[in-house]
Amino acid sequence: MSDPIETAIFALLAPLAPGKSVSAEEVARAADPEGWHRWLSRVRTVSVGLAREGRLVITRHGKPADPNKFKGVYRLRLPLAGEVLPGVLVSPATEDTEAS
């Protein structure tokens, strides 16, 4: 079974144009319209994990933020093709492929 927050994030982002984003509140409301407020910390935790994997971009003031260091209000969007993202964990297999 998949995480309801992860499902909500990608369900909200899928129909958007490249570069468009959603707020943490929108994600929480999609997961639980009645009790969305209690999901906000979970949205942040899941978002950070997905950003570290390179599957999601956390933005502050419209710019990619390091998922390990950002503070305050943030938005979420899908990565753009060829975008270099701060704080993304790169697997050794990817590094070897890029060096070839």
PDB file of N, CA and C in Angstrom:
ATOM      1  N   MET A   1       0.849  -1.180   0.000  1.00  0.00           N
ATOM      2  CA  MET A   1       0.000   0.000   0.000  1.00  0.00           C
ATOM      3  C   MET A   1       0.891   1.239   0.000  1.00  0.00           C
ATOM      4  N   SER A   2       0.516   2.228  -0.808  1.00  0.00           N
ATOM      5  CA  SER A   2       1.337   3.432  -0.891  1.00  0.00           C
ATOM      6  C   SER A   2       0.927   4.460   0.166  1.00  0.00           C
ATOM      7  N   ASP A   3       1.822   5.358   0.432  1.00  0.00           N
ATOM      8  CA  ASP A   3       1.600   6.408   1.412  1.00  0.00           C
ATOM      9  C   ASP A   3       0.550   7.388   0.872  1.00  0.00           C
ATOM     10  N   PRO A   4      -0.481   7.733   1.654  1.00  0.00           N
ATOM     11  CA  PRO A   4      -1.516   8.655   1.156  1.00  0.00           C
ATOM     12  C   PRO A   4      -0.978  10.051   0.843  1.00  0.00           C
ATOM     13  N   ILE A   5       0.058  10.475   1.534  1.00  0.00           N
ATOM     14  CA  ILE A   5       0.647  11.785   1.260  1.00  0.00           C
ATOM     15  C   ILE A   5       1.395  11.758  -0.072  1.00  0.00           C
ATOM     16  N   GLU A   6       2.188  10.726  -0.287  1.00  0.00           N
ATOM     17  CA  GLU A   6       2.912  10.604  -1.554  1.00  0.00           C
ATOM     18  C   GLU A   6       1.918  10.520  -2.712  1.00  0.00           C
ATOM     19  N   THR A   7       0.865   9.743  -2.530  1.00  0.00           N
ATOM     20  CA  THR A   7      -0.172   9.623  -3.559  1.00  0.00           C
ATOM     21  C   THR A   7      -0.797  10.983  -3.847  1.00  0.00           C
ATOM     22  N   ALA A   8      -1.121  11.735  -2.803  1.00  0.00           N
ATOM     23  CA  ALA A   8      -1.731  13.057  -2.973  1.00  0.00           C
ATOM     24  C   ALA A   8      -0.786  14.019  -3.689  1.00  0.00           C
ATOM     25  N   ILE A   9       0.490  13.990  -3.333  1.00  0.00           N
ATOM     26  CA  ILE A   9       1.470  14.878  -3.970  1.00  0.00           C
ATOM     27  C   ILE A   9       1.483  14.652  -5.477  1.00  0.00           C
ATOM     28  N   PHE A  10       1.667  13.405  -5.888  1.00  0.00           N
ATOM     29  CA  PHE A  10       1.795  13.124  -7.312  1.00  0.00           C
ATOM     30  C   PHE A  10       0.471  13.258  -8.057  1.00  0.00           C
ATOM     31  N   ALA A  11      -0.649  13.012  -7.372  1.00  0.00           N
ATOM     32  CA  ALA A  11      -1.965  13.210  -7.999  1.00  0.00           C
ATOM     33  C   ALA A  11      -2.215  14.692  -8.272  1.00  0.00           C
ATOM     34  N   LEU A  12      -1.782  15.548  -7.366  1.00  0.00           N
ATOM     35  CA  LEU A  12      -1.957  16.988  -7.563  1.00  0.00           C
ATOM     36  C   LEU A  12      -0.997  17.543  -8.615  1.00  0.00           C
ATOM     37  N   LEU A  13       0.222  17.026  -8.656  1.00  0.00           N
ATOM     38  CA  LEU A  13       1.226  17.554  -9.578  1.00  0.00           C
ATOM     39  C   LEU A  13       1.080  17.027 -11.004  1.00  0.00           C
ATOM     40  N   ALA A  14       0.552  15.834 -11.163  1.00  0.00           N
ATOM     41  CA  ALA A  14       0.475  15.202 -12.481  1.00  0.00           C
ATOM     42  C   ALA A  14      -0.208  16.069 -13.546  1.00  0.00           C
ATOM     43  N   PRO A  15      -1.346  16.691 -13.265  1.00  0.00           N
ATOM     44  CA  PRO A  15      -2.007  17.466 -14.326  1.00  0.00           C
ATOM     45  C   PRO A  15      -1.435  18.870 -14.548  1.00  0.00           C
ATOM     46  N   LEU A  16      -0.507  19.300 -13.727  1.00  0.00           N
ATOM     47  CA  LEU A  16       0.027  20.659 -13.833  1.00  0.00           C
ATOM     48  C   LEU A  16       1.080  20.775 -14.937  1.00  0.00           C
ATOM     49  N   ALA A  17       1.192  21.967 -15.475  1.00  0.00           N
ATOM     50  CA  ALA A  17       2.225  22.246 -16.475  1.00  0.00           C
ATOM     51  C   ALA A  17       3.600  22.164 -15.813  1.00  0.00           C
ATOM     52  N   PRO A  18       4.654  21.848 -16.581  1.00  0.00           N
ATOM     53  CA  PRO A  18       5.998  21.799 -16.009  1.00  0.00           C
ATOM     54  C   PRO A  18       6.347  23.100 -15.295  1.00  0.00           C
ATOM     55  N   GLY A  19       6.928  22.967 -14.114  1.00  0.00           N
ATOM     56  CA  GLY A  19       7.339  24.125 -13.334  1.00  0.00           C
ATOM     57  C   GLY A  19       6.282  24.653 -12.382  1.00  0.00           C
ATOM     58  N   LYS A  20       5.037  24.204 -12.517  1.00  0.00           N
ATOM     59  CA  LYS A  20       3.965  24.637 -11.616  1.00  0.00           C
ATOM     60  C   LYS A  20       4.042  23.837 -10.324  1.00  0.00           C
ATOM     61  N   SER A  21       3.581  24.447  -9.231  1.00  0.00           N
ATOM     62  CA  SER A  21       3.755  23.819  -7.920  1.00  0.00           C
ATOM     63  C   SER A  21       2.467  23.816  -7.110  1.00  0.00           C
ATOM     64  N   VAL A  22       2.507  23.068  -6.018  1.00  0.00           N
ATOM     65  CA  VAL A  22       1.405  23.007  -5.054  1.00  0.00           C
ATOM     66  C   VAL A  22       1.964  23.295  -3.668  1.00  0.00           C
ATOM     67  N   SER A  23       1.092  23.718  -2.784  1.00  0.00           N
ATOM     68  CA  SER A  23       1.515  23.992  -1.409  1.00  0.00           C
ATOM     69  C   SER A  23       1.357  22.749  -0.551  1.00  0.00           C
ATOM     70  N   ALA A  24       2.018  22.750   0.587  1.00  0.00           N
ATOM     71  CA  ALA A  24       1.883  21.655   1.544  1.00  0.00           C
ATOM     72  C   ALA A  24       0.435  21.561   2.023  1.00  0.00           C
ATOM     73  N   GLU A  25      -0.220  22.692   2.184  1.00  0.00           N
ATOM     74  CA  GLU A  25      -1.617  22.690   2.620  1.00  0.00           C
ATOM     75  C   GLU A  25      -2.518  22.009   1.591  1.00  0.00           C
ATOM     76  N   GLU A  26      -2.284  22.261   0.309  1.00  0.00           N
ATOM     77  CA  GLU A  26      -3.081  21.609  -0.734  1.00  0.00           C
ATOM     78  C   GLU A  26      -2.931  20.090  -0.656  1.00  0.00           C
ATOM     79  N   VAL A  27      -1.713  19.629  -0.426  1.00  0.00           N
ATOM     80  CA  VAL A  27      -1.459  18.195  -0.321  1.00  0.00           C
ATOM     81  C   VAL A  27      -2.186  17.623   0.897  1.00  0.00           C
ATOM     82  N   ALA A  28      -2.054  18.295   2.031  1.00  0.00           N
ATOM     83  CA  ALA A  28      -2.701  17.825   3.260  1.00  0.00           C
ATOM     84  C   ALA A  28      -4.219  17.785   3.096  1.00  0.00           C
ATOM     85  N   ARG A  29      -4.788  18.801   2.469  1.00  0.00           N
ATOM     86  CA  ARG A  29      -6.241  18.832   2.247  1.00  0.00           C
ATOM     87  C   ARG A  29      -6.683  17.720   1.307  1.00  0.00           C
ATOM     88  N   ALA A  30      -5.852  17.383   0.317  1.00  0.00           N
ATOM     89  CA  ALA A  30      -6.185  16.288  -0.601  1.00  0.00           C
ATOM     90  C   ALA A  30      -6.185  14.949   0.132  1.00  0.00           C
ATOM     91  N   ALA A  31      -5.280  14.807   1.100  1.00  0.00           N
ATOM     92  CA  ALA A  31      -5.188  13.559   1.861  1.00  0.00           C
ATOM     93  C   ALA A  31      -6.319  13.432   2.882  1.00  0.00           C
ATOM     94  N   ASP A  32      -6.702  14.558   3.497  1.00  0.00           N
ATOM     95  CA  ASP A  32      -7.737  14.535   4.535  1.00  0.00           C
ATOM     96  C   ASP A  32      -8.406  15.911   4.614  1.00  0.00           C
ATOM     97  N   PRO A  33      -9.488  16.114   3.849  1.00  0.00           N
ATOM     98  CA  PRO A  33     -10.137  17.431   3.814  1.00  0.00           C
ATOM     99  C   PRO A  33     -10.615  17.939   5.175  1.00  0.00           C
ATOM    100  N   GLU A  34     -10.982  17.059   6.072  1.00  0.00           N
ATOM    101  CA  GLU A  34     -11.489  17.469   7.381  1.00  0.00           C
ATOM    102  C   GLU A  34     -10.364  17.751   8.384  1.00  0.00           C
ATOM    103  N   GLY A  35      -9.404  16.854   8.462  1.00  0.00           N
ATOM    104  CA  GLY A  35      -8.341  16.974   9.462  1.00  0.00           C
ATOM    105  C   GLY A  35      -6.989  17.265   8.853  1.00  0.00           C
ATOM    106  N   TRP A  36      -6.976  18.074   7.794  1.00  0.00           N
ATOM    107  CA  TRP A  36      -5.753  18.303   7.026  1.00  0.00           C
ATOM    108  C   TRP A  36      -4.617  18.882   7.862  1.00  0.00           C
ATOM    109  N   HIS A  37      -4.933  19.672   8.856  1.00  0.00           N
ATOM    110  CA  HIS A  37      -3.885  20.358   9.619  1.00  0.00           C
ATOM    111  C   HIS A  37      -2.917  19.372  10.290  1.00  0.00           C
ATOM    112  N   ARG A  38      -3.440  18.268  10.768  1.00  0.00           N
ATOM    113  CA  ARG A  38      -2.570  17.301  11.452  1.00  0.00           C
ATOM    114  C   ARG A  38      -1.626  16.567  10.495  1.00  0.00           C
ATOM    115  N   TRP A  39      -1.854  16.699   9.174  1.00  0.00           N
ATOM    116  CA  TRP A  39      -1.014  16.035   8.184  1.00  0.00           C
ATOM    117  C   TRP A  39       0.159  16.897   7.715  1.00  0.00           C
ATOM    118  N   LEU A  40       0.204  18.154   8.108  1.00  0.00           N
ATOM    119  CA  LEU A  40       1.235  19.050   7.571  1.00  0.00           C
ATOM    120  C   LEU A  40       2.658  18.589   7.863  1.00  0.00           C
ATOM    121  N   SER A  41       2.922  18.088   9.050  1.00  0.00           N
ATOM    122  CA  SER A  41       4.282  17.630   9.349  1.00  0.00           C
ATOM    123  C   SER A  41       4.628  16.390   8.531  1.00  0.00           C
ATOM    124  N   ARG A  42       3.634  15.551   8.286  1.00  0.00           N
ATOM    125  CA  ARG A  42       3.859  14.349   7.461  1.00  0.00           C
ATOM    126  C   ARG A  42       4.142  14.753   6.010  1.00  0.00           C
ATOM    127  N   VAL A  43       3.452  15.770   5.518  1.00  0.00           N
ATOM    128  CA  VAL A  43       3.709  16.263   4.158  1.00  0.00           C
ATOM    129  C   VAL A  43       5.165  16.698   4.049  1.00  0.00           C
ATOM    130  N   ARG A  44       5.644  17.420   5.036  1.00  0.00           N
ATOM    131  CA  ARG A  44       7.041  17.886   5.020  1.00  0.00           C
ATOM    132  C   ARG A  44       8.011  16.701   5.027  1.00  0.00           C
ATOM    133  N   THR A  45       7.763  15.738   5.892  1.00  0.00           N
ATOM    134  CA  THR A  45       8.649  14.567   5.990  1.00  0.00           C
ATOM    135  C   THR A  45       8.704  13.788   4.678  1.00  0.00           C
ATOM    136  N   VAL A  46       7.545  13.517   4.103  1.00  0.00           N
ATOM    137  CA  VAL A  46       7.487  12.772   2.843  1.00  0.00           C
ATOM    138  C   VAL A  46       8.135  13.581   1.716  1.00  0.00           C
ATOM    139  N   SER A  47       7.867  14.884   1.691  1.00  0.00           N
ATOM    140  CA  SER A  47       8.441  15.749   0.656  1.00  0.00           C
ATOM    141  C   SER A  47       9.962  15.769   0.705  1.00  0.00           C
ATOM    142  N   VAL A  48      10.512  15.842   1.893  1.00  0.00           N
ATOM    143  CA  VAL A  48      11.965  15.838   2.048  1.00  0.00           C
ATOM    144  C   VAL A  48      12.544  14.523   1.514  1.00  0.00           C
ATOM    145  N   GLY A  49      11.933  13.416   1.857  1.00  0.00           N
ATOM    146  CA  GLY A  49      12.412  12.117   1.365  1.00  0.00           C
ATOM    147  C   GLY A  49      12.359  12.026  -0.150  1.00  0.00           C
ATOM    148  N   LEU A  50      11.252  12.467  -0.741  1.00  0.00           N
ATOM    149  CA  LEU A  50      11.116  12.429  -2.199  1.00  0.00           C
ATOM    150  C   LEU A  50      12.101  13.389  -2.867  1.00  0.00           C
ATOM    151  N   ALA A  51      12.346  14.525  -2.260  1.00  0.00           N
ATOM    152  CA  ALA A  51      13.305  15.487  -2.820  1.00  0.00           C
ATOM    153  C   ALA A  51      14.728  14.931  -2.763  1.00  0.00           C
ATOM    154  N   ARG A  52      15.061  14.261  -1.688  1.00  0.00           N
ATOM    155  CA  ARG A  52      16.403  13.657  -1.587  1.00  0.00           C
ATOM    156  C   ARG A  52      16.610  12.592  -2.656  1.00  0.00           C
ATOM    157  N   GLU A  53      15.531  11.930  -3.060  1.00  0.00           N
ATOM    158  CA  GLU A  53      15.594  10.909  -4.109  1.00  0.00           C
ATOM    159  C   GLU A  53      15.577  11.527  -5.509  1.00  0.00           C
ATOM    160  N   GLY A  54      15.321  12.818  -5.600  1.00  0.00           N
ATOM    161  CA  GLY A  54      15.259  13.483  -6.892  1.00  0.00           C
ATOM    162  C   GLY A  54      13.919  13.347  -7.589  1.00  0.00           C
ATOM    163  N   ARG A  55      12.898  12.885  -6.885  1.00  0.00           N
ATOM    164  CA  ARG A  55      11.573  12.691  -7.475  1.00  0.00           C
ATOM    165  C   ARG A  55      10.674  13.906  -7.308  1.00  0.00           C
ATOM    166  N   LEU A  56      11.091  14.870  -6.515  1.00  0.00           N
ATOM    167  CA  LEU A  56      10.288  16.034  -6.185  1.00  0.00           C
ATOM    168  C   LEU A  56      11.229  17.203  -5.922  1.00  0.00           C
ATOM    169  N   VAL A  57      10.751  18.413  -6.172  1.00  0.00           N
ATOM    170  CA  VAL A  57      11.536  19.610  -5.889  1.00  0.00           C
ATOM    171  C   VAL A  57      10.794  20.421  -4.838  1.00  0.00           C
ATOM    172  N   ILE A  58      11.500  20.781  -3.794  1.00  0.00           N
ATOM    173  CA  ILE A  58      10.973  21.692  -2.784  1.00  0.00           C
ATOM    174  C   ILE A  58      11.466  23.075  -3.167  1.00  0.00           C
ATOM    175  N   THR A  59      10.539  24.030  -3.263  1.00  0.00           N
ATOM    176  CA  THR A  59      10.946  25.381  -3.638  1.00  0.00           C
ATOM    177  C   THR A  59      10.644  26.382  -2.527  1.00  0.00           C
ATOM    178  N   ARG A  60      11.492  27.396  -2.472  1.00  0.00           N
ATOM    179  CA  ARG A  60      11.294  28.557  -1.594  1.00  0.00           C
ATOM    180  C   ARG A  60      11.494  29.776  -2.472  1.00  0.00           C
ATOM    181  N   HIS A  61      10.530  30.655  -2.472  1.00  0.00           N
ATOM    182  CA  HIS A  61      10.592  31.859  -3.292  1.00  0.00           C
ATOM    183  C   HIS A  61      10.808  31.509  -4.767  1.00  0.00           C
ATOM    184  N   GLY A  62      10.211  30.393  -5.220  1.00  0.00           N
ATOM    185  CA  GLY A  62      10.274  29.985  -6.617  1.00  0.00           C
ATOM    186  C   GLY A  62      11.549  29.302  -7.051  1.00  0.00           C
ATOM    187  N   LYS A  63      12.485  29.099  -6.134  1.00  0.00           N
ATOM    188  CA  LYS A  63      13.771  28.477  -6.479  1.00  0.00           C
ATOM    189  C   LYS A  63      13.945  27.170  -5.720  1.00  0.00           C
ATOM    190  N   PRO A  64      14.609  26.185  -6.339  1.00  0.00           N
ATOM    191  CA  PRO A  64      14.835  24.921  -5.622  1.00  0.00           C
ATOM    192  C   PRO A  64      15.590  25.146  -4.312  1.00  0.00           C
ATOM    193  N   ALA A  65      15.123  24.475  -3.285  1.00  0.00           N
ATOM    194  CA  ALA A  65      15.751  24.564  -1.964  1.00  0.00           C
ATOM    195  C   ALA A  65      16.377  23.223  -1.612  1.00  0.00           C
ATOM    196  N   ASP A  66      17.430  23.263  -0.850  1.00  0.00           N
ATOM    197  CA  ASP A  66      18.061  22.042  -0.367  1.00  0.00           C
ATOM    198  C   ASP A  66      17.110  21.387   0.635  1.00  0.00           C
ATOM    199  N   PRO A  67      16.671  20.158   0.378  1.00  0.00           N
ATOM    200  CA  PRO A  67      15.716  19.515   1.290  1.00  0.00           C
ATOM    201  C   PRO A  67      16.279  19.268   2.684  1.00  0.00           C
ATOM    202  N   ASN A  68      17.590  19.329   2.818  1.00  0.00           N
ATOM    203  CA  ASN A  68      18.215  19.103   4.121  1.00  0.00           C
ATOM    204  C   ASN A  68      18.319  20.373   4.963  1.00  0.00           C
ATOM    205  N   LYS A  69      18.081  21.552   4.342  1.00  0.00           N
ATOM    206  CA  LYS A  69      18.355  22.803   5.043  1.00  0.00           C
ATOM    207  C   LYS A  69      17.232  23.834   5.011  1.00  0.00           C
ATOM    208  N   PHE A  70      16.189  23.644   4.223  1.00  0.00           N
ATOM    209  CA  PHE A  70      15.189  24.706   4.057  1.00  0.00           C
ATOM    210  C   PHE A  70      14.351  24.906   5.322  1.00  0.00           C
ATOM    211  N   LYS A  71      13.871  26.128   5.465  1.00  0.00           N
ATOM    212  CA  LYS A  71      13.009  26.487   6.594  1.00  0.00           C
ATOM    213  C   LYS A  71      11.850  27.306   6.062  1.00  0.00           C
ATOM    214  N   GLY A  72      10.758  27.307   6.795  1.00  0.00           N
ATOM    215  CA  GLY A  72       9.638  28.175   6.466  1.00  0.00           C
ATOM    216  C   GLY A  72       8.698  27.612   5.429  1.00  0.00           C
ATOM    217  N   VAL A  73       7.971  28.530   4.785  1.00  0.00           N
ATOM    218  CA  VAL A  73       6.955  28.183   3.803  1.00  0.00           C
ATOM    219  C   VAL A  73       7.627  27.640   2.542  1.00  0.00           C
ATOM    220  N   TYR A  74       7.056  26.599   1.987  1.00  0.00           N
ATOM    221  CA  TYR A  74       7.632  25.964   0.806  1.00  0.00           C
ATOM    222  C   TYR A  74       6.530  25.490  -0.122  1.00  0.00           C
ATOM    223  N   ARG A  75       6.918  25.187  -1.358  1.00  0.00           N
ATOM    224  CA  ARG A  75       6.001  24.611  -2.339  1.00  0.00           C
ATOM    225  C   ARG A  75       6.676  23.388  -2.942  1.00  0.00           C
ATOM    226  N   LEU A  76       5.886  22.599  -3.656  1.00  0.00           N
ATOM    227  CA  LEU A  76       6.372  21.351  -4.231  1.00  0.00           C
ATOM    228  C   LEU A  76       6.085  21.324  -5.728  1.00  0.00           C
ATOM    229  N   ARG A  77       7.050  20.821  -6.488  1.00  0.00           N
ATOM    230  CA  ARG A  77       6.845  20.643  -7.923  1.00  0.00           C
ATOM    231  C   ARG A  77       7.666  19.457  -8.405  1.00  0.00           C
ATOM    232  N   LEU A  78       7.383  19.040  -9.611  1.00  0.00           N
ATOM    233  CA  LEU A  78       8.149  17.955 -10.222  1.00  0.00           C
ATOM    234  C   LEU A  78       9.459  18.518 -10.778  1.00  0.00           C
ATOM    235  N   PRO A  79      10.504  17.699 -10.816  1.00  0.00           N
ATOM    236  CA  PRO A  79      11.777  18.163 -11.386  1.00  0.00           C
ATOM    237  C   PRO A  79      11.635  18.438 -12.882  1.00  0.00           C
ATOM    238  N   LEU A  80      12.391  19.390 -13.368  1.00  0.00           N
ATOM    239  CA  LEU A  80      12.430  19.693 -14.788  1.00  0.00           C
ATOM    240  C   LEU A  80      13.578  18.917 -15.420  1.00  0.00           C
ATOM    241  N   ALA A  81      13.464  18.602 -16.694  1.00  0.00           N
ATOM    242  CA  ALA A  81      14.490  17.836 -17.398  1.00  0.00           C
ATOM    243  C   ALA A  81      15.835  18.547 -17.312  1.00  0.00           C
ATOM    244  N   GLY A  82      16.867  17.815 -16.907  1.00  0.00           N
ATOM    245  CA  GLY A  82      18.221  18.336 -16.843  1.00  0.00           C
ATOM    246  C   GLY A  82      18.509  19.260 -15.671  1.00  0.00           C
ATOM    247  N   GLU A  83      17.553  19.444 -14.790  1.00  0.00           N
ATOM    248  CA  GLU A  83      17.723  20.351 -13.659  1.00  0.00           C
ATOM    249  C   GLU A  83      18.668  19.758 -12.613  1.00  0.00           C
ATOM    250  N   VAL A  84      19.604  20.555 -12.159  1.00  0.00           N
ATOM    251  CA  VAL A  84      20.511  20.143 -11.091  1.00  0.00           C
ATOM    252  C   VAL A  84      19.902  20.633  -9.785  1.00  0.00           C
ATOM    253  N   LEU A  85      19.681  19.712  -8.866  1.00  0.00           N
ATOM    254  CA  LEU A  85      18.973  20.044  -7.632  1.00  0.00           C
ATOM    255  C   LEU A  85      19.877  19.945  -6.415  1.00  0.00           C
ATOM    256  N   PRO A  86      19.758  20.891  -5.500  1.00  0.00           N
ATOM    257  CA  PRO A  86      20.562  20.834  -4.274  1.00  0.00           C
ATOM    258  C   PRO A  86      20.076  19.732  -3.344  1.00  0.00           C
ATOM    259  N   GLY A  87      21.003  19.044  -2.706  1.00  0.00           N
ATOM    260  CA  GLY A  87      20.654  18.066  -1.684  1.00  0.00           C
ATOM    261  C   GLY A  87      20.120  16.741  -2.169  1.00  0.00           C
ATOM    262  N   VAL A  88      20.197  16.470  -3.474  1.00  0.00           N
ATOM    263  CA  VAL A  88      19.692  15.207  -4.002  1.00  0.00           C
ATOM    264  C   VAL A  88      20.749  14.129  -3.811  1.00  0.00           C
ATOM    265  N   LEU A  89      20.327  13.016  -3.252  1.00  0.00           N
ATOM    266  CA  LEU A  89      21.234  11.890  -3.074  1.00  0.00           C
ATOM    267  C   LEU A  89      21.386  11.181  -4.400  1.00  0.00           C
ATOM    268  N   VAL A  90      22.619  11.111  -4.898  1.00  0.00           N
ATOM    269  CA  VAL A  90      22.890  10.459  -6.173  1.00  0.00           C
ATOM    270  C   VAL A  90      23.481   9.096  -5.889  1.00  0.00           C
ATOM    271  N   SER A  91      22.890   8.083  -6.478  1.00  0.00           N
ATOM    272  CA  SER A  91      23.396   6.736  -6.246  1.00  0.00           C
ATOM    273  C   SER A  91      24.713   6.538  -6.989  1.00  0.00           C
ATOM    274  N   PRO A  92      25.609   5.667  -6.481  1.00  0.00           N
ATOM    275  CA  PRO A  92      26.879   5.408  -7.162  1.00  0.00           C
ATOM    276  C   PRO A  92      26.680   4.916  -8.589  1.00  0.00           C
ATOM    277  N   ALA A  93      25.609   4.166  -8.855  1.00  0.00           N
ATOM    278  CA  ALA A  93      25.348   3.670 -10.206  1.00  0.00           C
ATOM    279  C   ALA A  93      25.125   4.835 -11.167  1.00  0.00           C
ATOM    280  N   THR A  94      24.436   5.874 -10.712  1.00  0.00           N
ATOM    281  CA  THR A  94      24.194   7.051 -11.555  1.00  0.00           C
ATOM    282  C   THR A  94      25.496   7.790 -11.808  1.00  0.00           C
ATOM    283  N   GLU A  95      26.336   7.927 -10.787  1.00  0.00           N
ATOM    284  CA  GLU A  95      27.614   8.618 -10.951  1.00  0.00           C
ATOM    285  C   GLU A  95      28.498   7.892 -11.947  1.00  0.00           C
ATOM    286  N   ASP A  96      28.531   6.545 -11.881  1.00  0.00           N
ATOM    287  CA  ASP A  96      29.355   5.766 -12.798  1.00  0.00           C
ATOM    288  C   ASP A  96      28.867   5.932 -14.227  1.00  0.00           C
ATOM    289  N   THR A  97      27.550   5.959 -14.425  1.00  0.00           N
ATOM    290  CA  THR A  97      26.979   6.106 -15.742  1.00  0.00           C
ATOM    291  C   THR A  97      27.309   7.480 -16.320  1.00  0.00           C
ATOM    292  N   GLU A  98      27.244   8.512 -15.494  1.00  0.00           N
ATOM    293  CA  GLU A  98      27.514   9.868 -15.972  1.00  0.00           C
ATOM    294  C   GLU A  98      28.987  10.065 -16.302  1.00  0.00           C
ATOM    295  N   ALA A  99      29.877   9.342 -15.621  1.00  0.00           N
ATOM    296  CA  ALA A  99      31.310   9.488 -15.854  1.00  0.00           C
ATOM    297  C   ALA A  99      31.744   8.808 -17.155  1.00  0.00           C
ATOM    298  N   SER A 100      30.955   7.885 -17.660  1.00  0.00           N
ATOM    299  CA  SER A 100      31.309   7.147 -18.884  1.00  0.00           C
ATOM    300  C   SER A 100      31.248   7.984 -20.105  1.00  0.00           C
TER     301      SER A 100
END
